[in-house]
Protein backbone atom coordinates (compact mmCIF):
# COMPACT_ATOMS: atom_id res chain seq x y z
CA MET A 1 -15.45 55.87 -61.65
CA SER A 2 -15.17 52.82 -61.45
CA MET A 3 -15.42 51.09 -57.98
CA GLN A 4 -13.92 47.96 -59.52
CA ALA A 5 -10.69 49.80 -60.18
CA ASN A 6 -10.92 51.23 -56.07
CA ALA A 7 -11.47 48.13 -54.88
CA ALA A 8 -8.98 45.92 -56.68
CA LYS A 9 -6.66 49.23 -55.33
CA LYS A 10 -7.59 48.27 -51.87
CA CYS A 11 -7.43 44.49 -52.22
CA PHE A 12 -4.11 44.76 -53.37
CA GLY A 13 -3.25 46.94 -50.60
CA GLU A 14 -4.32 45.14 -47.98
CA ASN A 15 -2.24 42.31 -50.12
CA ILE A 16 1.12 44.14 -49.47
CA THR A 17 0.52 44.80 -45.79
CA LEU A 18 -0.51 41.11 -45.20
CA PHE A 19 1.69 38.69 -47.74
CA ALA A 20 4.33 40.58 -48.64
CA ASN A 21 7.71 41.90 -47.16
CA ALA A 22 10.26 43.61 -49.08
CA GLN A 23 13.33 41.67 -47.20
CA THR A 24 11.30 38.03 -46.90
CA ALA A 25 9.32 37.94 -50.24
CA PRO A 26 10.55 40.19 -52.37
CA GLU A 27 8.19 38.63 -55.29
CA LYS A 28 5.33 39.16 -53.27
CA PHE A 29 5.69 42.43 -52.50
CA ASN A 30 6.90 43.95 -55.91
CA LEU A 31 3.72 41.13 -58.03
CA TYR A 32 1.25 43.28 -55.20
CA ASN A 33 3.23 46.93 -55.23
CA GLY A 34 2.96 46.35 -59.29
CA LEU A 35 -1.13 45.26 -59.34
CA TYR A 36 -1.92 48.39 -56.83
CA ASN A 37 0.17 50.89 -58.46
CA LEU A 38 -1.43 49.04 -62.50
CA ALA A 39 -4.84 49.68 -60.08
CA ASP A 40 -3.87 53.19 -59.17
CA ALA A 41 -3.16 54.13 -63.26
CA VAL A 42 -6.77 52.39 -64.16
CA GLU A 43 -7.97 54.52 -61.81
CA GLN A 44 -6.81 58.03 -62.75
CA ILE A 45 -7.28 56.91 -66.75
CA GLU A 46 -10.98 56.46 -65.49
CA ARG A 47 -10.65 59.82 -63.72
CA ARG A 48 -9.78 61.55 -66.66
CA LEU A 49 -12.10 59.54 -69.79
CA THR A 50 -15.15 60.81 -67.37
CA ALA A 51 -13.99 64.56 -67.42
CA ILE A 52 -13.38 64.08 -71.80
CA GLU A 53 -16.91 62.47 -71.69
CA ASN A 54 -18.36 65.77 -69.47
CA ALA A 55 -16.28 67.65 -71.84
CA VAL A 56 -17.94 66.76 -75.07
CA ASN A 57 -21.28 66.58 -73.79
CA GLN A 58 -21.23 69.97 -72.49
CA LEU A 59 -20.02 70.47 -76.58
CA GLY A 60 -22.57 68.88 -77.55
CA ALA A 61 -25.48 70.82 -75.73
CA GLN A 62 -23.54 73.76 -76.50
CA LEU A 63 -23.93 72.90 -80.25
CA GLN A 64 -27.05 71.84 -80.15
CA GLN A 65 -28.42 74.81 -78.05
CA ARG A 66 -26.60 77.07 -81.47
CA ARG A 67 -29.30 75.09 -84.04
């Protein structure tokens, strides 16, 4: 898993808390909330990609054993 996606998520979450109020600054709130959700989605994609990579590596190892 990429530490960049996790770090981005933490930063955007912090920005939501510090700078974005849904009532007084809805634009900032929506921006930081959207960026947080985007970083979360990237993190999930990275997890799934890692799982696919591991499965492909296992299949490759199994095929090598059959030769």
